């Protein structure tokens, strides 16, 4: 087995060796002869077997038999500092790119006998059934899809699960119960249709990004649109050139989907939201003119807040974000001129 050292730093202080792998903690190892430091030095040069490490350490003047080196590697493994070099990747370029973030994440839990690739293989071979896809269930489905679970079946709710039992002939409830379940399943499914608007970064967008192996599709989409309309700066062109191939491949069509969705939302706002808002404001103005001592005044104020509050809040937050971006852009421009 070839062993590789995980990312860490070490320093000798007297007879002790200070090793830092996780920034939140440090290990203090007794190393009066410098053997552990020498072993870390050799592992830091690249992957090596116990036999190769024994030969190199012996050449440096250390009494390092193969058995001693293996004991040292087991000790480093117990601290989470080494792993199997041959199992860091799956060995398939497309799969390695698709599961890049997962392979990196599992690096925190690997060792000589538990590899990153093995974690991912187990996930790809697993089958998961999720009952309920509401607030918590939808997040769980997204996480499982991102982890690369091989087969994932999400039952949208217990109601749908009950309907499946009826459909398969495993349960025969009274007709009113069956009809009620059917109506509620339809309501549930209709309520999930908005998830298909992936240009709004819904949960389905997150599932799509993970399924296609993208890393930063939203940013690449923006850069591709700027290039299409001739507004790409040299810095952004350099950023786009270094984008992941999967992001570039998906971004070529997703940018136009996002643009069409943006135009559709804008049209909906102009033709539906604005007329309703104008009507509500006119109606509310009549009530507000009566003064705070009138019940109609407070009723108009409450209705206006309930009807227009969410849209007004969204507009305010959007304006605030764009103002912040403008200030950051101006600050960067001034700093670039000073440099």
C-alpha atoms as a PDB file:
ATOM      1  CA  UNK A   1       0.000   0.000   0.000  1.00  0.00           C
ATOM      2  CA  UNK A   2       1.266   3.457  -0.878  1.00  0.00           C
ATOM      3  CA  UNK A   3       0.729   5.938   1.935  1.00  0.00           C
ATOM      4  CA  UNK A   4       0.279   9.674   1.487  1.00  0.00           C
ATOM      5  CA  UNK A   5       0.331  12.433   4.079  1.00  0.00           C
ATOM      6  CA  UNK A   6      -2.728  14.625   4.425  1.00  0.00           C
ATOM      7  CA  UNK A   7      -2.347  18.384   4.419  1.00  0.00           C
ATOM      8  CA  UNK A   8      -0.729  19.350   7.712  1.00  0.00           C
ATOM      9  CA  UNK A   9       2.149  21.315   9.212  1.00  0.00           C
ATOM     10  CA  UNK A  10       4.676  20.361  11.870  1.00  0.00           C
ATOM     11  CA  UNK A  11       7.520  21.952  13.820  1.00  0.00           C
ATOM     12  CA  UNK A  12      10.094  20.610  16.271  1.00  0.00           C
ATOM     13  CA  UNK A  13      10.265  22.274  19.688  1.00  0.00           C
ATOM     14  CA  UNK A  14      12.990  20.702  21.786  1.00  0.00           C
ATOM     15  CA  UNK A  15      12.201  17.020  22.186  1.00  0.00           C
ATOM     16  CA  UNK A  16       8.588  17.527  21.092  1.00  0.00           C
ATOM     17  CA  UNK A  17       6.998  17.667  17.681  1.00  0.00           C
ATOM     18  CA  UNK A  18       3.959  19.941  17.186  1.00  0.00           C
ATOM     19  CA  UNK A  19       1.659  18.727  14.392  1.00  0.00           C
ATOM     20  CA  UNK A  20      -1.362  20.682  13.119  1.00  0.00           C
ATOM     21  CA  UNK A  21      -3.877  19.088  10.763  1.00  0.00           C
ATOM     22  CA  UNK A  22      -7.107  20.698  11.923  1.00  0.00           C
ATOM     23  CA  UNK A  23      -6.655  24.442  12.658  1.00  0.00           C
ATOM     24  CA  UNK A  24      -8.773  23.958  15.775  1.00  0.00           C
ATOM     25  CA  UNK A  25      -6.280  21.654  17.506  1.00  0.00           C
ATOM     26  CA  UNK A  26      -2.634  20.612  17.550  1.00  0.00           C
ATOM     27  CA  UNK A  27      -0.920  17.347  18.490  1.00  0.00           C
ATOM     28  CA  UNK A  28       2.182  17.280  20.662  1.00  0.00           C
ATOM     29  CA  UNK A  29       4.266  14.158  20.044  1.00  0.00           C
ATOM     30  CA  UNK A  30       7.372  13.099  21.947  1.00  0.00           C
ATOM     31  CA  UNK A  31      10.137  12.885  19.331  1.00  0.00           C
ATOM     32  CA  UNK A  32      13.547  13.161  21.025  1.00  0.00           C
ATOM     33  CA  UNK A  33      15.396  11.460  18.181  1.00  0.00           C
ATOM     34  CA  UNK A  34      13.575  13.230  15.337  1.00  0.00           C
ATOM     35  CA  UNK A  35      12.337   9.965  13.827  1.00  0.00           C
ATOM     36  CA  UNK A  36       8.713  11.090  13.534  1.00  0.00           C
ATOM     37  CA  UNK A  37       9.749  14.399  11.967  1.00  0.00           C
ATOM     38  CA  UNK A  38      11.897  12.517   9.460  1.00  0.00           C
ATOM     39  CA  UNK A  39       8.987  10.200   8.646  1.00  0.00           C
ATOM     40  CA  UNK A  40       6.715  13.190   8.062  1.00  0.00           C
ATOM     41  CA  UNK A  41       9.375  14.813   5.881  1.00  0.00           C
ATOM     42  CA  UNK A  42       9.569  11.772   3.641  1.00  0.00           C
ATOM     43  CA  UNK A  43       5.791  11.379   3.469  1.00  0.00           C
ATOM     44  CA  UNK A  44       5.531  15.052   2.550  1.00  0.00           C
ATOM     45  CA  UNK A  45       7.619  14.383  -0.547  1.00  0.00           C
ATOM     46  CA  UNK A  46       4.955  12.100  -1.985  1.00  0.00           C
ATOM     47  CA  UNK A  47       3.287   8.691  -1.675  1.00  0.00           C
ATOM     48  CA  UNK A  48       5.494   5.816  -0.572  1.00  0.00           C
ATOM     49  CA  UNK A  49       5.239   2.260   0.743  1.00  0.00           C
ATOM     50  CA  UNK A  50       6.524   1.156   4.135  1.00  0.00           C
ATOM     51  CA  UNK A  51       9.451  -0.578   2.446  1.00  0.00           C
ATOM     52  CA  UNK A  52      10.423   2.568   0.537  1.00  0.00           C
ATOM     53  CA  UNK A  53      10.174   4.686   3.661  1.00  0.00           C
ATOM     54  CA  UNK A  54      12.297   2.198   5.602  1.00  0.00           C
ATOM     55  CA  UNK A  55      15.046   2.354   2.976  1.00  0.00           C
ATOM     56  CA  UNK A  56      15.026   6.159   2.822  1.00  0.00           C
ATOM     57  CA  UNK A  57      15.042   6.599   6.611  1.00  0.00           C
ATOM     58  CA  UNK A  58      17.829   4.041   6.988  1.00  0.00           C
ATOM     59  CA  UNK A  59      19.866   5.994   4.420  1.00  0.00           C
ATOM     60  CA  UNK A  60      19.356   9.099   6.558  1.00  0.00           C
ATOM     61  CA  UNK A  61      20.853   7.344   9.578  1.00  0.00           C
ATOM     62  CA  UNK A  62      17.726   6.201  11.389  1.00  0.00           C
ATOM     63  CA  UNK A  63      17.245   2.622  12.527  1.00  0.00           C
ATOM     64  CA  UNK A  64      13.946   2.083  10.717  1.00  0.00           C
ATOM     65  CA  UNK A  65      12.962  -1.479  10.009  1.00  0.00           C
ATOM     66  CA  UNK A  66       9.880  -2.106   7.919  1.00  0.00           C
ATOM     67  CA  UNK A  67       7.940  -3.231  10.978  1.00  0.00           C
ATOM     68  CA  UNK A  68       8.908  -0.058  12.835  1.00  0.00           C
ATOM     69  CA  UNK A  69       7.791   2.091   9.909  1.00  0.00           C
ATOM     70  CA  UNK A  70       4.453   0.281   9.774  1.00  0.00           C
ATOM     71  CA  UNK A  71       3.987   0.933  13.497  1.00  0.00           C
ATOM     72  CA  UNK A  72       4.765   4.596  12.906  1.00  0.00           C
ATOM     73  CA  UNK A  73       2.268   4.775  10.047  1.00  0.00           C
ATOM     74  CA  UNK A  74      -0.384   3.150  12.235  1.00  0.00           C
ATOM     75  CA  UNK A  75       0.282   5.811  14.854  1.00  0.00           C
ATOM     76  CA  UNK A  76      -0.100   8.592  12.302  1.00  0.00           C
ATOM     77  CA  UNK A  77      -3.225   6.884  11.016  1.00  0.00           C
ATOM     78  CA  UNK A  78      -4.746   6.958  14.523  1.00  0.00           C
ATOM     79  CA  UNK A  79      -4.281  10.740  14.451  1.00  0.00           C
ATOM     80  CA  UNK A  80      -5.934  11.035  11.013  1.00  0.00           C
ATOM     81  CA  UNK A  81      -2.766  12.251   9.280  1.00  0.00           C
ATOM     82  CA  UNK A  82      -2.288   9.641   6.535  1.00  0.00           C
ATOM     83  CA  UNK A  83      -4.396   7.767   4.024  1.00  0.00           C
ATOM     84  CA  UNK A  84      -4.214   5.262   1.184  1.00  0.00           C
ATOM     85  CA  UNK A  85      -2.751   7.134  -1.792  1.00  0.00           C
ATOM     86  CA  UNK A  86      -4.245   4.761  -4.363  1.00  0.00           C
ATOM     87  CA  UNK A  87      -7.802   5.285  -3.081  1.00  0.00           C
ATOM     88  CA  UNK A  88      -7.964   9.067  -3.051  1.00  0.00           C
ATOM     89  CA  UNK A  89      -9.779   9.024  -6.411  1.00  0.00           C
ATOM     90  CA  UNK A  90     -12.165   6.663  -8.166  1.00  0.00           C
ATOM     91  CA  UNK A  91      -9.891   6.226 -11.168  1.00  0.00           C
ATOM     92  CA  UNK A  92     -12.520   7.444 -13.649  1.00  0.00           C
ATOM     93  CA  UNK A  93     -11.982  11.039 -14.879  1.00  0.00           C
ATOM     94  CA  UNK A  94     -15.694  11.814 -15.268  1.00  0.00           C
ATOM     95  CA  UNK A  95     -16.598  10.256 -11.920  1.00  0.00           C
ATOM     96  CA  UNK A  96     -13.694  11.999 -10.187  1.00  0.00           C
ATOM     97  CA  UNK A  97     -14.865  15.354 -11.502  1.00  0.00           C
ATOM     98  CA  UNK A  98     -18.499  14.651 -10.640  1.00  0.00           C
ATOM     99  CA  UNK A  99     -17.681  13.594  -7.065  1.00  0.00           C
ATOM    100  CA  UNK A 100     -14.811  16.031  -6.526  1.00  0.00           C
ATOM    101  CA  UNK A 101     -16.430  17.836  -3.598  1.00  0.00           C
ATOM    102  CA  UNK A 102     -17.493  14.558  -1.969  1.00  0.00           C
ATOM    103  CA  UNK A 103     -14.032  13.054  -2.292  1.00  0.00           C
ATOM    104  CA  UNK A 104     -12.570  16.184  -0.731  1.00  0.00           C
ATOM    105  CA  UNK A 105     -15.124  16.135   2.089  1.00  0.00           C
ATOM    106  CA  UNK A 106     -14.496  12.477   2.944  1.00  0.00           C
ATOM    107  CA  UNK A 107     -10.777  13.214   3.251  1.00  0.00           C
ATOM    108  CA  UNK A 108     -11.465  14.322   6.826  1.00  0.00           C
ATOM    109  CA  UNK A 109     -12.647  10.813   7.742  1.00  0.00           C
ATOM    110  CA  UNK A 110     -10.254   8.589   5.829  1.00  0.00           C
ATOM    111  CA  UNK A 111      -7.279   6.556   6.943  1.00  0.00           C
ATOM    112  CA  UNK A 112      -5.175   3.636   5.829  1.00  0.00           C
ATOM    113  CA  UNK A 113      -8.137   1.266   5.979  1.00  0.00           C
ATOM    114  CA  UNK A 114     -11.005   3.632   5.106  1.00  0.00           C
ATOM    115  CA  UNK A 115     -10.544   5.445   1.821  1.00  0.00           C
ATOM    116  CA  UNK A 116     -12.307   8.321   0.077  1.00  0.00           C
ATOM    117  CA  UNK A 117     -13.111   6.176  -2.936  1.00  0.00           C
ATOM    118  CA  UNK A 118     -14.670   3.489  -0.729  1.00  0.00           C
ATOM    119  CA  UNK A 119     -16.992   6.037   0.877  1.00  0.00           C
ATOM    120  CA  UNK A 120     -18.193   7.200  -2.533  1.00  0.00           C
ATOM    121  CA  UNK A 121     -18.555   3.658  -3.868  1.00  0.00           C
ATOM    122  CA  UNK A 122     -20.758   2.707  -0.937  1.00  0.00           C
ATOM    123  CA  UNK A 123     -22.934   5.746  -1.566  1.00  0.00           C
ATOM    124  CA  UNK A 124     -23.218   4.983  -5.269  1.00  0.00           C
ATOM    125  CA  UNK A 125     -24.298   1.411  -4.448  1.00  0.00           C
ATOM    126  CA  UNK A 126     -26.816   2.469  -1.793  1.00  0.00           C
ATOM    127  CA  UNK A 127     -30.599   2.711  -2.115  1.00  0.00           C
ATOM    128  CA  UNK A 128     -32.471   5.241   0.027  1.00  0.00           C
ATOM    129  CA  UNK A 129     -36.199   5.710   0.579  1.00  0.00           C
ATOM    130  CA  UNK A 130     -37.255   9.118   1.933  1.00  0.00           C
ATOM    131  CA  UNK A 131     -40.747   9.430   3.366  1.00  0.00           C
ATOM    132  CA  UNK A 132     -41.867  13.034   3.202  1.00  0.00           C
ATOM    133  CA  UNK A 133     -40.392  15.837   1.098  1.00  0.00           C
ATOM    134  CA  UNK A 134     -41.490  18.896   3.018  1.00  0.00           C
ATOM    135  CA  UNK A 135     -39.249  21.413   4.737  1.00  0.00           C
ATOM    136  CA  UNK A 136     -36.921  18.843   6.297  1.00  0.00           C
ATOM    137  CA  UNK A 137     -37.399  16.085   3.743  1.00  0.00           C
ATOM    138  CA  UNK A 138     -36.602  18.292   0.751  1.00  0.00           C
ATOM    139  CA  UNK A 139     -33.308  19.350   2.345  1.00  0.00           C
ATOM    140  CA  UNK A 140     -32.494  15.717   3.046  1.00  0.00           C
ATOM    141  CA  UNK A 141     -33.220  14.741  -0.571  1.00  0.00           C
ATOM    142  CA  UNK A 142     -30.938  17.534  -1.755  1.00  0.00           C
ATOM    143  CA  UNK A 143     -28.112  16.398   0.519  1.00  0.00           C
ATOM    144  CA  UNK A 144     -28.481  12.754  -0.504  1.00  0.00           C
ATOM    145  CA  UNK A 145     -28.445  13.698  -4.188  1.00  0.00           C
ATOM    146  CA  UNK A 146     -25.345  15.796  -3.606  1.00  0.00           C
ATOM    147  CA  UNK A 147     -23.608  12.887  -1.871  1.00  0.00           C
ATOM    148  CA  UNK A 148     -24.180  10.759  -4.971  1.00  0.00           C
ATOM    149  CA  UNK A 149     -26.580   8.140  -3.622  1.00  0.00           C
ATOM    150  CA  UNK A 150     -27.082   5.475  -6.271  1.00  0.00           C
ATOM    151  CA  UNK A 151     -30.871   5.197  -6.084  1.00  0.00           C
ATOM    152  CA  UNK A 152     -33.123   7.653  -4.301  1.00  0.00           C
ATOM    153  CA  UNK A 153     -36.895   7.312  -3.993  1.00  0.00           C
ATOM    154  CA  UNK A 154     -38.639  10.251  -2.346  1.00  0.00           C
ATOM    155  CA  UNK A 155     -42.234   9.731  -1.280  1.00  0.00           C
ATOM    156  CA  UNK A 156     -43.595  13.259  -1.172  1.00  0.00           C
ATOM    157  CA  UNK A 157     -45.692  12.721   1.920  1.00  0.00           C
ATOM    158  CA  UNK A 158     -47.345  10.109   4.065  1.00  0.00           C
ATOM    159  CA  UNK A 159     -50.506  10.867   2.099  1.00  0.00           C
ATOM    160  CA  UNK A 160     -48.805   9.804  -1.107  1.00  0.00           C
ATOM    161  CA  UNK A 161     -47.463   6.748   0.693  1.00  0.00           C
ATOM    162  CA  UNK A 162     -51.020   5.842   1.673  1.00  0.00           C
ATOM    163  CA  UNK A 163     -52.154   6.293  -1.929  1.00  0.00           C
ATOM    164  CA  UNK A 164     -49.376   3.955  -3.078  1.00  0.00           C
ATOM    165  CA  UNK A 165     -50.622   1.313  -0.634  1.00  0.00           C
ATOM    166  CA  UNK A 166     -54.119   1.676  -2.090  1.00  0.00           C
ATOM    167  CA  UNK A 167     -52.794   1.558  -5.654  1.00  0.00           C
ATOM    168  CA  UNK A 168     -50.874  -1.656  -4.944  1.00  0.00           C
ATOM    169  CA  UNK A 169     -53.912  -3.281  -3.336  1.00  0.00           C
ATOM    170  CA  UNK A 170     -52.317  -3.447   0.109  1.00  0.00           C
ATOM    171  CA  UNK A 171     -54.983  -1.280   1.746  1.00  0.00           C
ATOM    172  CA  UNK A 172     -58.698  -0.888   0.991  1.00  0.00           C
ATOM    173  CA  UNK A 173     -60.026   2.168   2.866  1.00  0.00           C
ATOM    174  CA  UNK A 174     -63.608   3.503   2.598  1.00  0.00           C
ATOM    175  CA  UNK A 175     -64.385   5.474  -0.564  1.00  0.00           C
ATOM    176  CA  UNK A 176     -64.482   8.908   1.185  1.00  0.00           C
ATOM    177  CA  UNK A 177     -61.000   8.299   2.646  1.00  0.00           C
ATOM    178  CA  UNK A 178     -59.663   7.246  -0.749  1.00  0.00           C
ATOM    179  CA  UNK A 179     -61.130  10.338  -2.434  1.00  0.00           C
ATOM    180  CA  UNK A 180     -59.757  12.661   0.265  1.00  0.00           C
ATOM    181  CA  UNK A 181     -56.268  11.189  -0.070  1.00  0.00           C
ATOM    182  CA  UNK A 182     -56.416  11.611  -3.854  1.00  0.00           C
ATOM    183  CA  UNK A 183     -57.349  15.290  -3.526  1.00  0.00           C
ATOM    184  CA  UNK A 184     -54.598  15.981  -1.022  1.00  0.00           C
ATOM    185  CA  UNK A 185     -51.999  14.235  -3.183  1.00  0.00           C
ATOM    186  CA  UNK A 186     -53.041  16.463  -6.105  1.00  0.00           C
ATOM    187  CA  UNK A 187     -52.725  19.560  -3.904  1.00  0.00           C
ATOM    188  CA  UNK A 188     -49.271  18.455  -2.746  1.00  0.00           C
ATOM    189  CA  UNK A 189     -48.032  17.823  -6.278  1.00  0.00           C
ATOM    190  CA  UNK A 190     -49.460  21.118  -7.550  1.00  0.00           C
ATOM    191  CA  UNK A 191     -47.704  22.933  -4.717  1.00  0.00           C
ATOM    192  CA  UNK A 192     -44.366  21.496  -5.867  1.00  0.00           C
ATOM    193  CA  UNK A 193     -44.644  22.745  -9.442  1.00  0.00           C
ATOM    194  CA  UNK A 194     -42.863  25.995  -8.575  1.00  0.00           C
ATOM    195  CA  UNK A 195     -39.756  23.904  -7.850  1.00  0.00           C
ATOM    196  CA  UNK A 196     -39.476  23.406 -11.610  1.00  0.00           C
ATOM    197  CA  UNK A 197     -38.560  27.099 -11.950  1.00  0.00           C
ATOM    198  CA  UNK A 198     -34.872  26.286 -11.544  1.00  0.00           C
ATOM    199  CA  UNK A 199     -33.897  29.761 -12.749  1.00  0.00           C
ATOM    200  CA  UNK A 200     -35.000  30.933  -9.268  1.00  0.00           C
ATOM    201  CA  UNK A 201     -32.439  28.622  -7.587  1.00  0.00           C
ATOM    202  CA  UNK A 202     -35.053  26.320  -6.104  1.00  0.00           C
ATOM    203  CA  UNK A 203     -34.251  23.010  -4.420  1.00  0.00           C
ATOM    204  CA  UNK A 204     -34.611  21.329  -7.816  1.00  0.00           C
ATOM    205  CA  UNK A 205     -31.855  23.620  -9.124  1.00  0.00           C
ATOM    206  CA  UNK A 206     -29.565  22.337  -6.365  1.00  0.00           C
ATOM    207  CA  UNK A 207     -30.400  18.755  -7.307  1.00  0.00           C
ATOM    208  CA  UNK A 208     -29.704  19.542 -10.979  1.00  0.00           C
ATOM    209  CA  UNK A 209     -26.330  21.111 -10.161  1.00  0.00           C
ATOM    210  CA  UNK A 210     -25.253  18.091  -8.141  1.00  0.00           C
ATOM    211  CA  UNK A 211     -26.562  15.599 -10.674  1.00  0.00           C
ATOM    212  CA  UNK A 212     -24.643  17.281 -13.527  1.00  0.00           C
ATOM    213  CA  UNK A 213     -21.446  17.606 -11.498  1.00  0.00           C
ATOM    214  CA  UNK A 214     -21.346  21.406 -11.540  1.00  0.00           C
ATOM    215  CA  UNK A 215     -19.298  23.428  -9.059  1.00  0.00           C
ATOM    216  CA  UNK A 216     -20.366  27.047  -9.556  1.00  0.00           C
ATOM    217  CA  UNK A 217     -22.971  27.037 -12.322  1.00  0.00           C
ATOM    218  CA  UNK A 218     -24.628  30.261 -11.178  1.00  0.00           C
ATOM    219  CA  UNK A 219     -21.420  32.293 -11.488  1.00  0.00           C
ATOM    220  CA  UNK A 220     -20.433  30.688 -14.803  1.00  0.00           C
ATOM    221  CA  UNK A 221     -23.912  31.396 -16.154  1.00  0.00           C
ATOM    222  CA  UNK A 222     -23.456  35.079 -15.327  1.00  0.00           C
ATOM    223  CA  UNK A 223     -20.040  35.214 -16.982  1.00  0.00           C
ATOM    224  CA  UNK A 224     -21.316  33.471 -20.129  1.00  0.00           C
ATOM    225  CA  UNK A 225     -24.186  35.947 -20.401  1.00  0.00           C
ATOM    226  CA  UNK A 226     -21.811  38.880 -20.000  1.00  0.00           C
ATOM    227  CA  UNK A 227     -19.632  37.438 -22.754  1.00  0.00           C
ATOM    228  CA  UNK A 228     -22.642  36.920 -25.019  1.00  0.00           C
ATOM    229  CA  UNK A 229     -23.602  40.600 -24.640  1.00  0.00           C
ATOM    230  CA  UNK A 230     -20.032  41.900 -24.889  1.00  0.00           C
ATOM    231  CA  UNK A 231     -19.735  43.031 -21.258  1.00  0.00           C
ATOM    232  CA  UNK A 232     -17.049  40.621 -20.072  1.00  0.00           C
ATOM    233  CA  UNK A 233     -14.040  42.290 -18.442  1.00  0.00           C
ATOM    234  CA  UNK A 234     -10.505  40.868 -18.795  1.00  0.00           C
ATOM    235  CA  UNK A 235     -10.587  39.710 -15.164  1.00  0.00           C
ATOM    236  CA  UNK A 236     -13.900  37.946 -15.737  1.00  0.00           C
ATOM    237  CA  UNK A 237     -12.608  36.376 -18.963  1.00  0.00           C
ATOM    238  CA  UNK A 238      -9.681  34.941 -17.001  1.00  0.00           C
ATOM    239  CA  UNK A 239     -12.102  33.628 -14.363  1.00  0.00           C
ATOM    240  CA  UNK A 240     -14.280  32.050 -17.062  1.00  0.00           C
ATOM    241  CA  UNK A 241     -11.274  30.378 -18.674  1.00  0.00           C
ATOM    242  CA  UNK A 242     -10.564  28.595 -15.386  1.00  0.00           C
ATOM    243  CA  UNK A 243     -14.141  27.403 -14.849  1.00  0.00           C
ATOM    244  CA  UNK A 244     -14.931  23.705 -14.505  1.00  0.00           C
ATOM    245  CA  UNK A 245     -15.789  21.923 -17.791  1.00  0.00           C
ATOM    246  CA  UNK A 246     -19.136  20.765 -16.376  1.00  0.00           C
ATOM    247  CA  UNK A 247     -20.093  24.352 -15.506  1.00  0.00           C
ATOM    248  CA  UNK A 248     -19.192  25.518 -19.020  1.00  0.00           C
ATOM    249  CA  UNK A 249     -21.096  22.665 -20.659  1.00  0.00           C
ATOM    250  CA  UNK A 250     -24.282  23.217 -18.666  1.00  0.00           C
ATOM    251  CA  UNK A 251     -23.940  26.987 -18.596  1.00  0.00           C
ATOM    252  CA  UNK A 252     -24.179  27.222 -22.396  1.00  0.00           C
ATOM    253  CA  UNK A 253     -27.892  26.351 -22.263  1.00  0.00           C
ATOM    254  CA  UNK A 254     -28.727  27.266 -18.670  1.00  0.00           C
ATOM    255  CA  UNK A 255     -27.865  30.940 -19.252  1.00  0.00           C
ATOM    256  CA  UNK A 256     -30.639  31.237 -21.861  1.00  0.00           C
ATOM    257  CA  UNK A 257     -33.065  29.332 -19.640  1.00  0.00           C
ATOM    258  CA  UNK A 258     -32.291  31.754 -16.808  1.00  0.00           C
ATOM    259  CA  UNK A 259     -32.693  34.756 -19.118  1.00  0.00           C
ATOM    260  CA  UNK A 260     -36.077  33.508 -20.387  1.00  0.00           C
ATOM    261  CA  UNK A 261     -37.186  32.867 -16.818  1.00  0.00           C
ATOM    262  CA  UNK A 262     -36.053  36.326 -15.748  1.00  0.00           C
ATOM    263  CA  UNK A 263     -38.025  37.928 -18.579  1.00  0.00           C
ATOM    264  CA  UNK A 264     -41.072  35.823 -17.660  1.00  0.00           C
ATOM    265  CA  UNK A 265     -40.883  36.844 -13.994  1.00  0.00           C
ATOM    266  CA  UNK A 266     -40.446  40.474 -14.981  1.00  0.00           C
ATOM    267  CA  UNK A 267     -43.506  40.281 -17.254  1.00  0.00           C
ATOM    268  CA  UNK A 268     -45.513  38.637 -14.469  1.00  0.00           C
ATOM    269  CA  UNK A 269     -44.506  41.440 -12.122  1.00  0.00           C
ATOM    270  CA  UNK A 270     -45.457  44.173 -14.588  1.00  0.00           C
ATOM    271  CA  UNK A 271     -48.764  42.704 -15.778  1.00  0.00           C
ATOM    272  CA  UNK A 272     -50.024  41.099 -12.569  1.00  0.00           C
ATOM    273  CA  UNK A 273     -48.291  42.433  -9.473  1.00  0.00           C
ATOM    274  CA  UNK A 274     -48.178  46.126 -10.409  1.00  0.00           C
ATOM    275  CA  UNK A 275     -51.912  46.425 -11.318  1.00  0.00           C
ATOM    276  CA  UNK A 276     -52.900  44.647  -8.093  1.00  0.00           C
ATOM    277  CA  UNK A 277     -50.544  46.843  -6.068  1.00  0.00           C
ATOM    278  CA  UNK A 278     -51.958  50.012  -7.623  1.00  0.00           C
ATOM    279  CA  UNK A 279     -55.527  48.908  -6.875  1.00  0.00           C
ATOM    280  CA  UNK A 280     -54.661  47.998  -3.268  1.00  0.00           C
ATOM    281  CA  UNK A 281     -52.858  51.299  -2.704  1.00  0.00           C
ATOM    282  CA  UNK A 282     -55.791  53.305  -4.072  1.00  0.00           C
ATOM    283  CA  UNK A 283     -58.186  51.427  -1.838  1.00  0.00           C
ATOM    284  CA  UNK A 284     -55.887  51.800   1.173  1.00  0.00           C
ATOM    285  CA  UNK A 285     -55.442  55.520   0.561  1.00  0.00           C
ATOM    286  CA  UNK A 286     -59.167  56.073   1.028  1.00  0.00           C
ATOM    287  CA  UNK A 287     -59.010  54.370   4.416  1.00  0.00           C
ATOM    288  CA  UNK A 288     -55.788  55.999   5.565  1.00  0.00           C
ATOM    289  CA  UNK A 289     -57.171  59.465   4.850  1.00  0.00           C
ATOM    290  CA  UNK A 290     -59.752  58.888   7.602  1.00  0.00           C
ATOM    291  CA  UNK A 291     -57.018  59.123  10.247  1.00  0.00           C
ATOM    292  CA  UNK A 292     -55.757  56.791  13.007  1.00  0.00           C
ATOM    293  CA  UNK A 293     -58.915  57.240  15.101  1.00  0.00           C
ATOM    294  CA  UNK A 294     -60.934  55.349  12.520  1.00  0.00           C
ATOM    295  CA  UNK A 295     -61.216  51.550  12.447  1.00  0.00           C
ATOM    296  CA  UNK A 296     -61.041  51.701   8.648  1.00  0.00           C
ATOM    297  CA  UNK A 297     -57.568  53.302   8.936  1.00  0.00           C
ATOM    298  CA  UNK A 298     -56.072  50.318  10.791  1.00  0.00           C
ATOM    299  CA  UNK A 299     -57.939  47.798   8.679  1.00  0.00           C
ATOM    300  CA  UNK A 300     -56.536  49.381   5.496  1.00  0.00           C
ATOM    301  CA  UNK A 301     -53.045  49.477   6.974  1.00  0.00           C
ATOM    302  CA  UNK A 302     -53.195  45.800   8.001  1.00  0.00           C
ATOM    303  CA  UNK A 303     -54.524  44.619   4.625  1.00  0.00           C
ATOM    304  CA  UNK A 304     -51.905  46.613   2.747  1.00  0.00           C
ATOM    305  CA  UNK A 305     -49.103  45.164   4.866  1.00  0.00           C
ATOM    306  CA  UNK A 306     -50.357  41.613   4.370  1.00  0.00           C
ATOM    307  CA  UNK A 307     -50.936  41.963   0.628  1.00  0.00           C
ATOM    308  CA  UNK A 308     -47.933  44.055  -0.392  1.00  0.00           C
ATOM    309  CA  UNK A 309     -45.504  43.435   2.478  1.00  0.00           C
ATOM    310  CA  UNK A 310     -43.681  40.401   0.989  1.00  0.00           C
ATOM    311  CA  UNK A 311     -43.205  42.075  -2.399  1.00  0.00           C
ATOM    312  CA  UNK A 312     -42.070  45.336  -0.782  1.00  0.00           C
ATOM    313  CA  UNK A 313     -39.580  43.470   1.409  1.00  0.00           C
ATOM    314  CA  UNK A 314     -38.206  41.576  -1.594  1.00  0.00           C
ATOM    315  CA  UNK A 315     -37.747  44.822  -3.544  1.00  0.00           C
ATOM    316  CA  UNK A 316     -36.003  46.486  -0.600  1.00  0.00           C
ATOM    317  CA  UNK A 317     -33.633  43.569  -0.075  1.00  0.00           C
ATOM    318  CA  UNK A 318     -32.827  43.428  -3.787  1.00  0.00           C
ATOM    319  CA  UNK A 319     -32.120  47.170  -3.901  1.00  0.00           C
ATOM    320  CA  UNK A 320     -29.925  46.867  -0.816  1.00  0.00           C
ATOM    321  CA  UNK A 321     -27.929  44.025  -2.349  1.00  0.00           C
ATOM    322  CA  UNK A 322     -27.351  45.879  -5.615  1.00  0.00           C
ATOM    323  CA  UNK A 323     -26.336  49.008  -3.688  1.00  0.00           C
ATOM    324  CA  UNK A 324     -23.826  46.950  -1.710  1.00  0.00           C
ATOM    325  CA  UNK A 325     -22.449  45.431  -4.906  1.00  0.00           C
ATOM    326  CA  UNK A 326     -22.086  48.895  -6.409  1.00  0.00           C
ATOM    327  CA  UNK A 327     -20.174  50.155  -3.361  1.00  0.00           C
ATOM    328  CA  UNK A 328     -17.890  47.102  -3.390  1.00  0.00           C
ATOM    329  CA  UNK A 329     -17.268  47.539  -7.111  1.00  0.00           C
ATOM    330  CA  UNK A 330     -16.440  51.225  -6.659  1.00  0.00           C
ATOM    331  CA  UNK A 331     -14.098  50.408  -3.777  1.00  0.00           C
ATOM    332  CA  UNK A 332     -12.298  47.758  -5.854  1.00  0.00           C
ATOM    333  CA  UNK A 333     -11.982  50.181  -8.764  1.00  0.00           C
ATOM    334  CA  UNK A 334     -10.448  52.860  -6.525  1.00  0.00           C
ATOM    335  CA  UNK A 335      -8.062  50.342  -5.023  1.00  0.00           C
ATOM    336  CA  UNK A 336      -7.036  49.128  -8.497  1.00  0.00           C
ATOM    337  CA  UNK A 337      -6.259  52.701  -9.569  1.00  0.00           C
ATOM    338  CA  UNK A 338      -4.179  53.249  -6.429  1.00  0.00           C
ATOM    339  CA  UNK A 339      -2.238  50.035  -7.011  1.00  0.00           C
END
